[in-house]
């Protein structure tokens, strides 16, 4: 975890800041993507049926309306994604590791900031047809965790569009009161009833319509931090993108 401590400490020059985002933890997750059909690895000459991705999330444990995630692009660069659910903003950028390593303040570039569209509306799906349901608690290493299912309740449309199901395993005994939702609609569903669920998300997994496991994500570790992101007030939204 020593490399995590060095993350984000390069200071950028900040001017005309419009919004300051504070983070108090860096979370390390390990994800596995399983493809329905083998896909070709970019810039390489072979295909894979699954792929491992490690991500580092910047979060604010006292509120969950925004987050940032860093994944490795290549040996020289990171992918940096920042999302604000409340303001419906998203930024996706490729940044040099040498610039991002050891940074305390990150000044978002206006050209990378976009408005975030509602993917359900664009796909002609209704938010009210998605349910967040508590399942029977699950055991991991003899420890009990809350278990939730986020699924589409309209059976006819679910069958026609082959809509899968997302599962959340939540640590109810952790000091993290607010779960981190990267899915905008799941976050908005949670806002309507903040009592369900509460706590640190330890694992996420997704099954397709046929019940096959397509994605898993597990919490590996976390450390304290004091990092910040700024969005300059000179930034104007010129494009809406779908996550």
C-alpha atoms as a PDB file:
ATOM      1  CA  UNK A   1       0.000   0.000   0.000  1.00  0.00           C
ATOM      2  CA  UNK A   2       3.054   2.302   0.062  1.00  0.00           C
ATOM      3  CA  UNK A   3       2.375   3.352  -3.527  1.00  0.00           C
ATOM      4  CA  UNK A   4      -1.083   4.538  -2.507  1.00  0.00           C
ATOM      5  CA  UNK A   5       0.368   6.935   0.030  1.00  0.00           C
ATOM      6  CA  UNK A   6       2.387   8.596  -2.727  1.00  0.00           C
ATOM      7  CA  UNK A   7      -0.614   9.090  -4.987  1.00  0.00           C
ATOM      8  CA  UNK A   8      -1.792  12.650  -5.732  1.00  0.00           C
ATOM      9  CA  UNK A   9       0.634  15.001  -4.081  1.00  0.00           C
ATOM     10  CA  UNK A  10       1.755  17.195  -6.980  1.00  0.00           C
ATOM     11  CA  UNK A  11       0.350  20.708  -6.494  1.00  0.00           C
ATOM     12  CA  UNK A  12      -1.253  22.396  -9.501  1.00  0.00           C
ATOM     13  CA  UNK A  13      -1.785  26.142  -9.915  1.00  0.00           C
ATOM     14  CA  UNK A  14      -5.445  26.863  -9.165  1.00  0.00           C
ATOM     15  CA  UNK A  15      -7.346  29.916 -10.360  1.00  0.00           C
ATOM     16  CA  UNK A  16     -11.033  30.846 -10.506  1.00  0.00           C
ATOM     17  CA  UNK A  17     -12.065  27.667  -8.690  1.00  0.00           C
ATOM     18  CA  UNK A  18     -15.795  27.045  -8.898  1.00  0.00           C
ATOM     19  CA  UNK A  19     -16.092  23.864  -6.906  1.00  0.00           C
ATOM     20  CA  UNK A  20     -13.822  22.160  -4.393  1.00  0.00           C
ATOM     21  CA  UNK A  21     -14.214  18.437  -3.783  1.00  0.00           C
ATOM     22  CA  UNK A  22     -12.635  16.953  -0.662  1.00  0.00           C
ATOM     23  CA  UNK A  23     -11.622  13.307  -0.250  1.00  0.00           C
ATOM     24  CA  UNK A  24     -10.645  11.552   2.963  1.00  0.00           C
ATOM     25  CA  UNK A  25      -9.944   7.986   1.784  1.00  0.00           C
ATOM     26  CA  UNK A  26      -8.297   6.173  -1.105  1.00  0.00           C
ATOM     27  CA  UNK A  27      -9.950   2.791  -1.674  1.00  0.00           C
ATOM     28  CA  UNK A  28      -8.266  -0.006  -3.607  1.00  0.00           C
ATOM     29  CA  UNK A  29     -10.554  -2.379  -5.533  1.00  0.00           C
ATOM     30  CA  UNK A  30      -9.784  -5.409  -7.688  1.00  0.00           C
ATOM     31  CA  UNK A  31     -12.211  -6.029 -10.565  1.00  0.00           C
ATOM     32  CA  UNK A  32     -12.667  -8.922 -13.007  1.00  0.00           C
ATOM     33  CA  UNK A  33     -14.533  -8.474 -16.292  1.00  0.00           C
ATOM     34  CA  UNK A  34     -15.823 -11.621 -18.004  1.00  0.00           C
ATOM     35  CA  UNK A  35     -16.821 -11.203 -21.641  1.00  0.00           C
ATOM     36  CA  UNK A  36     -19.634 -12.975 -23.447  1.00  0.00           C
ATOM     37  CA  UNK A  37     -17.332 -13.360 -26.436  1.00  0.00           C
ATOM     38  CA  UNK A  38     -13.507 -13.047 -26.450  1.00  0.00           C
ATOM     39  CA  UNK A  39     -12.341  -9.495 -27.118  1.00  0.00           C
ATOM     40  CA  UNK A  40      -9.067  -8.275 -28.582  1.00  0.00           C
ATOM     41  CA  UNK A  41      -6.672  -6.535 -26.212  1.00  0.00           C
ATOM     42  CA  UNK A  42      -5.977  -3.006 -27.426  1.00  0.00           C
ATOM     43  CA  UNK A  43      -2.534  -2.607 -29.010  1.00  0.00           C
ATOM     44  CA  UNK A  44      -1.905  -6.334 -28.632  1.00  0.00           C
ATOM     45  CA  UNK A  45      -2.510  -9.225 -30.982  1.00  0.00           C
ATOM     46  CA  UNK A  46      -4.570 -11.632 -28.908  1.00  0.00           C
ATOM     47  CA  UNK A  47      -8.049 -12.034 -27.455  1.00  0.00           C
ATOM     48  CA  UNK A  48      -9.138 -12.721 -23.883  1.00  0.00           C
ATOM     49  CA  UNK A  49     -12.314 -14.023 -22.247  1.00  0.00           C
ATOM     50  CA  UNK A  50     -11.714 -12.143 -18.986  1.00  0.00           C
ATOM     51  CA  UNK A  51      -9.639  -9.225 -17.810  1.00  0.00           C
ATOM     52  CA  UNK A  52      -8.448  -8.061 -14.400  1.00  0.00           C
ATOM     53  CA  UNK A  53      -8.560  -4.326 -13.611  1.00  0.00           C
ATOM     54  CA  UNK A  54      -7.282  -2.659 -10.453  1.00  0.00           C
ATOM     55  CA  UNK A  55      -8.833   0.667  -9.465  1.00  0.00           C
ATOM     56  CA  UNK A  56      -8.100   3.306  -6.851  1.00  0.00           C
ATOM     57  CA  UNK A  57     -11.093   5.344  -5.714  1.00  0.00           C
ATOM     58  CA  UNK A  58     -11.010   8.738  -4.058  1.00  0.00           C
ATOM     59  CA  UNK A  59     -14.057   9.078  -1.809  1.00  0.00           C
ATOM     60  CA  UNK A  60     -15.523  11.294   0.884  1.00  0.00           C
ATOM     61  CA  UNK A  61     -16.776   8.961   3.614  1.00  0.00           C
ATOM     62  CA  UNK A  62     -19.156  11.618   5.000  1.00  0.00           C
ATOM     63  CA  UNK A  63     -21.105  11.990   1.742  1.00  0.00           C
ATOM     64  CA  UNK A  64     -21.348  10.019  -1.480  1.00  0.00           C
ATOM     65  CA  UNK A  65     -22.481  12.406  -4.184  1.00  0.00           C
ATOM     66  CA  UNK A  66     -19.095  12.384  -5.952  1.00  0.00           C
ATOM     67  CA  UNK A  67     -16.012  10.207  -6.421  1.00  0.00           C
ATOM     68  CA  UNK A  68     -12.898   9.795  -8.572  1.00  0.00           C
ATOM     69  CA  UNK A  69     -11.315   6.590  -9.849  1.00  0.00           C
ATOM     70  CA  UNK A  70      -7.877   5.906 -11.298  1.00  0.00           C
ATOM     71  CA  UNK A  71      -6.976   2.908 -13.430  1.00  0.00           C
ATOM     72  CA  UNK A  72      -3.850   2.166 -15.410  1.00  0.00           C
ATOM     73  CA  UNK A  73      -3.932   3.112 -19.093  1.00  0.00           C
ATOM     74  CA  UNK A  74      -0.379   1.955 -19.888  1.00  0.00           C
ATOM     75  CA  UNK A  75       3.128   2.122 -18.429  1.00  0.00           C
ATOM     76  CA  UNK A  76       3.180   5.932 -18.669  1.00  0.00           C
ATOM     77  CA  UNK A  77      -0.435   6.996 -18.162  1.00  0.00           C
ATOM     78  CA  UNK A  78      -3.455   6.715 -15.876  1.00  0.00           C
ATOM     79  CA  UNK A  79      -7.131   6.925 -16.750  1.00  0.00           C
ATOM     80  CA  UNK A  80      -8.749   9.443 -14.406  1.00  0.00           C
ATOM     81  CA  UNK A  81     -12.556   9.561 -14.102  1.00  0.00           C
ATOM     82  CA  UNK A  82     -14.360  12.029 -11.851  1.00  0.00           C
ATOM     83  CA  UNK A  83     -18.154  12.037 -11.406  1.00  0.00           C
ATOM     84  CA  UNK A  84     -20.524  14.293  -9.499  1.00  0.00           C
ATOM     85  CA  UNK A  85     -23.958  12.632  -9.222  1.00  0.00           C
ATOM     86  CA  UNK A  86     -25.676  15.665  -7.735  1.00  0.00           C
ATOM     87  CA  UNK A  87     -24.524  18.144 -10.386  1.00  0.00           C
ATOM     88  CA  UNK A  88     -24.513  15.437 -13.093  1.00  0.00           C
ATOM     89  CA  UNK A  89     -20.939  16.134 -14.188  1.00  0.00           C
ATOM     90  CA  UNK A  90     -18.331  13.681 -15.424  1.00  0.00           C
ATOM     91  CA  UNK A  91     -14.721  14.054 -16.491  1.00  0.00           C
ATOM     92  CA  UNK A  92     -12.647  11.417 -18.285  1.00  0.00           C
ATOM     93  CA  UNK A  93      -8.987  12.041 -19.011  1.00  0.00           C
ATOM     94  CA  UNK A  94      -5.709  10.262 -19.685  1.00  0.00           C
ATOM     95  CA  UNK A  95      -2.937  11.785 -17.564  1.00  0.00           C
ATOM     96  CA  UNK A  96       0.763  11.154 -17.224  1.00  0.00           C
ATOM     97  CA  UNK A  97       1.704   9.133 -14.164  1.00  0.00           C
ATOM     98  CA  UNK A  98       4.625  11.487 -13.622  1.00  0.00           C
ATOM     99  CA  UNK A  99       2.156  14.419 -13.363  1.00  0.00           C
ATOM    100  CA  UNK A 100      -0.403  12.678 -11.197  1.00  0.00           C
ATOM    101  CA  UNK A 101       1.871  10.879  -8.762  1.00  0.00           C
ATOM    102  CA  UNK A 102       2.264  12.677  -5.443  1.00  0.00           C
ATOM    103  CA  UNK A 103      -0.538  15.222  -6.126  1.00  0.00           C
ATOM    104  CA  UNK A 104      -2.483  17.030  -3.370  1.00  0.00           C
ATOM    105  CA  UNK A 105      -4.565  19.275  -5.640  1.00  0.00           C
ATOM    106  CA  UNK A 106      -5.969  18.265  -9.000  1.00  0.00           C
ATOM    107  CA  UNK A 107      -7.240  20.994 -11.325  1.00  0.00           C
ATOM    108  CA  UNK A 108      -9.732  19.475 -13.770  1.00  0.00           C
ATOM    109  CA  UNK A 109      -9.281  20.554 -17.375  1.00  0.00           C
ATOM    110  CA  UNK A 110     -12.404  22.188 -18.828  1.00  0.00           C
ATOM    111  CA  UNK A 111     -12.106  20.258 -22.086  1.00  0.00           C
ATOM    112  CA  UNK A 112     -12.551  16.980 -20.178  1.00  0.00           C
ATOM    113  CA  UNK A 113     -15.698  17.976 -18.228  1.00  0.00           C
ATOM    114  CA  UNK A 114     -19.100  17.004 -19.619  1.00  0.00           C
ATOM    115  CA  UNK A 115     -22.699  16.813 -18.531  1.00  0.00           C
ATOM    116  CA  UNK A 116     -23.953  13.340 -17.609  1.00  0.00           C
ATOM    117  CA  UNK A 117     -27.105  12.107 -19.334  1.00  0.00           C
ATOM    118  CA  UNK A 118     -29.572   9.662 -17.821  1.00  0.00           C
ATOM    119  CA  UNK A 119     -28.779   6.300 -19.488  1.00  0.00           C
ATOM    120  CA  UNK A 120     -32.175   4.831 -18.525  1.00  0.00           C
ATOM    121  CA  UNK A 121     -34.168   7.513 -20.318  1.00  0.00           C
ATOM    122  CA  UNK A 122     -32.063   7.160 -23.439  1.00  0.00           C
ATOM    123  CA  UNK A 123     -32.658   3.394 -23.410  1.00  0.00           C
ATOM    124  CA  UNK A 124     -36.399   3.958 -22.812  1.00  0.00           C
ATOM    125  CA  UNK A 125     -36.307   2.418 -19.346  1.00  0.00           C
ATOM    126  CA  UNK A 126     -38.190   3.734 -16.313  1.00  0.00           C
ATOM    127  CA  UNK A 127     -36.404   4.332 -13.009  1.00  0.00           C
ATOM    128  CA  UNK A 128     -39.457   3.160 -11.095  1.00  0.00           C
ATOM    129  CA  UNK A 129     -39.110  -0.283 -12.688  1.00  0.00           C
ATOM    130  CA  UNK A 130     -35.741  -0.801 -10.964  1.00  0.00           C
ATOM    131  CA  UNK A 131     -35.913  -2.158  -7.426  1.00  0.00           C
ATOM    132  CA  UNK A 132     -33.271  -2.208  -4.693  1.00  0.00           C
ATOM    133  CA  UNK A 133     -34.140  -5.282  -2.640  1.00  0.00           C
ATOM    134  CA  UNK A 134     -32.526  -6.590   0.547  1.00  0.00           C
ATOM    135  CA  UNK A 135     -31.651 -10.270   0.379  1.00  0.00           C
ATOM    136  CA  UNK A 136     -30.656 -12.690   3.110  1.00  0.00           C
ATOM    137  CA  UNK A 137     -27.343 -11.727   4.728  1.00  0.00           C
ATOM    138  CA  UNK A 138     -24.299 -13.456   3.265  1.00  0.00           C
ATOM    139  CA  UNK A 139     -21.215 -14.850   5.015  1.00  0.00           C
ATOM    140  CA  UNK A 140     -17.643 -14.124   3.919  1.00  0.00           C
ATOM    141  CA  UNK A 141     -14.931 -15.746   6.037  1.00  0.00           C
ATOM    142  CA  UNK A 142     -17.552 -16.346   8.746  1.00  0.00           C
ATOM    143  CA  UNK A 143     -18.459 -12.631   8.851  1.00  0.00           C
ATOM    144  CA  UNK A 144     -22.036 -11.542   8.088  1.00  0.00           C
ATOM    145  CA  UNK A 145     -22.641  -8.848   5.450  1.00  0.00           C
ATOM    146  CA  UNK A 146     -25.763  -7.153   4.099  1.00  0.00           C
ATOM    147  CA  UNK A 147     -26.742  -8.378   0.646  1.00  0.00           C
ATOM    148  CA  UNK A 148     -28.783  -6.306  -1.851  1.00  0.00           C
ATOM    149  CA  UNK A 149     -30.069  -6.850  -5.365  1.00  0.00           C
ATOM    150  CA  UNK A 150     -30.637  -4.075  -7.908  1.00  0.00           C
ATOM    151  CA  UNK A 151     -32.788  -5.403 -10.738  1.00  0.00           C
ATOM    152  CA  UNK A 152     -35.443  -4.547 -13.314  1.00  0.00           C
ATOM    153  CA  UNK A 153     -38.934  -5.591 -12.267  1.00  0.00           C
ATOM    154  CA  UNK A 154     -40.700  -5.288 -15.644  1.00  0.00           C
ATOM    155  CA  UNK A 155     -40.339  -8.919 -16.717  1.00  0.00           C
ATOM    156  CA  UNK A 156     -41.441  -8.430 -20.342  1.00  0.00           C
ATOM    157  CA  UNK A 157     -39.043  -5.570 -21.016  1.00  0.00           C
ATOM    158  CA  UNK A 158     -36.280  -7.286 -19.007  1.00  0.00           C
ATOM    159  CA  UNK A 159     -36.603 -10.326 -21.275  1.00  0.00           C
ATOM    160  CA  UNK A 160     -36.797  -8.256 -24.465  1.00  0.00           C
ATOM    161  CA  UNK A 161     -33.779  -6.090 -23.611  1.00  0.00           C
ATOM    162  CA  UNK A 162     -31.873  -8.877 -21.797  1.00  0.00           C
ATOM    163  CA  UNK A 163     -31.331  -6.744 -18.671  1.00  0.00           C
ATOM    164  CA  UNK A 164     -29.031  -8.225 -16.041  1.00  0.00           C
ATOM    165  CA  UNK A 165     -28.844  -7.802 -12.236  1.00  0.00           C
ATOM    166  CA  UNK A 166     -26.379  -6.035  -9.942  1.00  0.00           C
ATOM    167  CA  UNK A 167     -25.644  -7.358  -6.438  1.00  0.00           C
ATOM    168  CA  UNK A 168     -24.100  -5.403  -3.560  1.00  0.00           C
ATOM    169  CA  UNK A 169     -22.390  -6.873  -0.483  1.00  0.00           C
ATOM    170  CA  UNK A 170     -22.149  -4.234   2.242  1.00  0.00           C
ATOM    171  CA  UNK A 171     -20.132  -4.159   5.448  1.00  0.00           C
ATOM    172  CA  UNK A 172     -22.721  -3.072   8.024  1.00  0.00           C
ATOM    173  CA  UNK A 173     -20.154  -2.930  10.844  1.00  0.00           C
ATOM    174  CA  UNK A 174     -17.705  -0.540   9.152  1.00  0.00           C
ATOM    175  CA  UNK A 175     -17.163   3.095  10.086  1.00  0.00           C
ATOM    176  CA  UNK A 176     -18.223   4.079   6.565  1.00  0.00           C
ATOM    177  CA  UNK A 177     -21.874   5.056   6.833  1.00  0.00           C
ATOM    178  CA  UNK A 178     -22.468   5.899   3.167  1.00  0.00           C
ATOM    179  CA  UNK A 179     -22.124   3.444   0.279  1.00  0.00           C
ATOM    180  CA  UNK A 180     -20.355   4.552  -2.896  1.00  0.00           C
ATOM    181  CA  UNK A 181     -22.644   4.238  -5.923  1.00  0.00           C
ATOM    182  CA  UNK A 182     -20.977   4.757  -9.307  1.00  0.00           C
ATOM    183  CA  UNK A 183     -24.285   4.062 -11.049  1.00  0.00           C
ATOM    184  CA  UNK A 184     -26.197   7.370 -11.216  1.00  0.00           C
ATOM    185  CA  UNK A 185     -29.626   5.738 -11.132  1.00  0.00           C
ATOM    186  CA  UNK A 186     -28.725   3.473  -8.232  1.00  0.00           C
ATOM    187  CA  UNK A 187     -27.535   6.554  -6.329  1.00  0.00           C
ATOM    188  CA  UNK A 188     -30.782   8.399  -7.060  1.00  0.00           C
ATOM    189  CA  UNK A 189     -32.790   5.342  -5.978  1.00  0.00           C
ATOM    190  CA  UNK A 190     -30.832   5.282  -2.723  1.00  0.00           C
ATOM    191  CA  UNK A 191     -31.472   9.027  -2.175  1.00  0.00           C
ATOM    192  CA  UNK A 192     -35.207   8.300  -1.973  1.00  0.00           C
ATOM    193  CA  UNK A 193     -34.608   5.960   0.985  1.00  0.00           C
ATOM    194  CA  UNK A 194     -31.260   6.592   2.669  1.00  0.00           C
ATOM    195  CA  UNK A 195     -31.839   3.837   5.214  1.00  0.00           C
ATOM    196  CA  UNK A 196     -31.287   1.231   2.473  1.00  0.00           C
ATOM    197  CA  UNK A 197     -28.486   0.325   2.205  1.00  0.00           C
ATOM    198  CA  UNK A 198     -25.911   1.916   4.536  1.00  0.00           C
ATOM    199  CA  UNK A 199     -22.255   1.016   4.938  1.00  0.00           C
ATOM    200  CA  UNK A 200     -19.088   0.275   3.001  1.00  0.00           C
ATOM    201  CA  UNK A 201     -19.570  -1.709  -0.219  1.00  0.00           C
ATOM    202  CA  UNK A 202     -17.208  -4.660   0.110  1.00  0.00           C
ATOM    203  CA  UNK A 203     -18.136  -6.430  -3.123  1.00  0.00           C
ATOM    204  CA  UNK A 204     -20.162  -5.826  -6.281  1.00  0.00           C
ATOM    205  CA  UNK A 205     -21.050  -8.452  -8.835  1.00  0.00           C
ATOM    206  CA  UNK A 206     -23.172  -8.407 -11.962  1.00  0.00           C
ATOM    207  CA  UNK A 207     -24.935 -11.275 -13.732  1.00  0.00           C
ATOM    208  CA  UNK A 208     -26.386 -11.031 -17.206  1.00  0.00           C
ATOM    209  CA  UNK A 209     -29.976 -11.892 -18.102  1.00  0.00           C
ATOM    210  CA  UNK A 210     -29.067 -15.583 -18.359  1.00  0.00           C
ATOM    211  CA  UNK A 211     -27.528 -15.609 -14.877  1.00  0.00           C
ATOM    212  CA  UNK A 212     -23.889 -15.767 -16.007  1.00  0.00           C
ATOM    213  CA  UNK A 213     -21.353 -13.848 -13.926  1.00  0.00           C
ATOM    214  CA  UNK A 214     -19.965 -10.981 -16.012  1.00  0.00           C
ATOM    215  CA  UNK A 215     -18.336  -8.634 -13.499  1.00  0.00           C
ATOM    216  CA  UNK A 216     -16.956  -8.783  -9.951  1.00  0.00           C
ATOM    217  CA  UNK A 217     -15.341  -6.094  -7.849  1.00  0.00           C
ATOM    218  CA  UNK A 218     -13.810  -6.550  -4.389  1.00  0.00           C
ATOM    219  CA  UNK A 219     -12.418  -4.113  -1.839  1.00  0.00           C
ATOM    220  CA  UNK A 220      -8.730  -4.801  -1.174  1.00  0.00           C
ATOM    221  CA  UNK A 221      -7.632  -2.009   1.161  1.00  0.00           C
ATOM    222  CA  UNK A 222      -8.050   1.671   2.032  1.00  0.00           C
ATOM    223  CA  UNK A 223      -6.007   4.465   3.599  1.00  0.00           C
ATOM    224  CA  UNK A 224      -6.646   7.983   4.893  1.00  0.00           C
ATOM    225  CA  UNK A 225      -5.944  10.898   2.593  1.00  0.00           C
ATOM    226  CA  UNK A 226      -6.569  14.632   2.317  1.00  0.00           C
ATOM    227  CA  UNK A 227      -6.787  15.070  -1.427  1.00  0.00           C
ATOM    228  CA  UNK A 228      -8.850  17.669  -3.303  1.00  0.00           C
ATOM    229  CA  UNK A 229     -10.184  18.258  -6.814  1.00  0.00           C
ATOM    230  CA  UNK A 230     -11.009  21.679  -8.243  1.00  0.00           C
ATOM    231  CA  UNK A 231     -13.293  22.536 -11.145  1.00  0.00           C
ATOM    232  CA  UNK A 232     -12.549  26.036 -12.523  1.00  0.00           C
ATOM    233  CA  UNK A 233     -15.546  28.334 -12.825  1.00  0.00           C
ATOM    234  CA  UNK A 234     -14.481  29.124 -16.389  1.00  0.00           C
ATOM    235  CA  UNK A 235     -15.607  25.625 -17.425  1.00  0.00           C
ATOM    236  CA  UNK A 236     -18.832  25.508 -19.431  1.00  0.00           C
ATOM    237  CA  UNK A 237     -20.695  22.347 -20.417  1.00  0.00           C
ATOM    238  CA  UNK A 238     -20.639  21.926 -24.176  1.00  0.00           C
ATOM    239  CA  UNK A 239     -21.560  18.279 -24.503  1.00  0.00           C
ATOM    240  CA  UNK A 240     -23.726  15.679 -22.779  1.00  0.00           C
ATOM    241  CA  UNK A 241     -22.355  12.160 -22.608  1.00  0.00           C
ATOM    242  CA  UNK A 242     -23.887   8.846 -21.571  1.00  0.00           C
ATOM    243  CA  UNK A 243     -22.064   6.799 -18.985  1.00  0.00           C
END
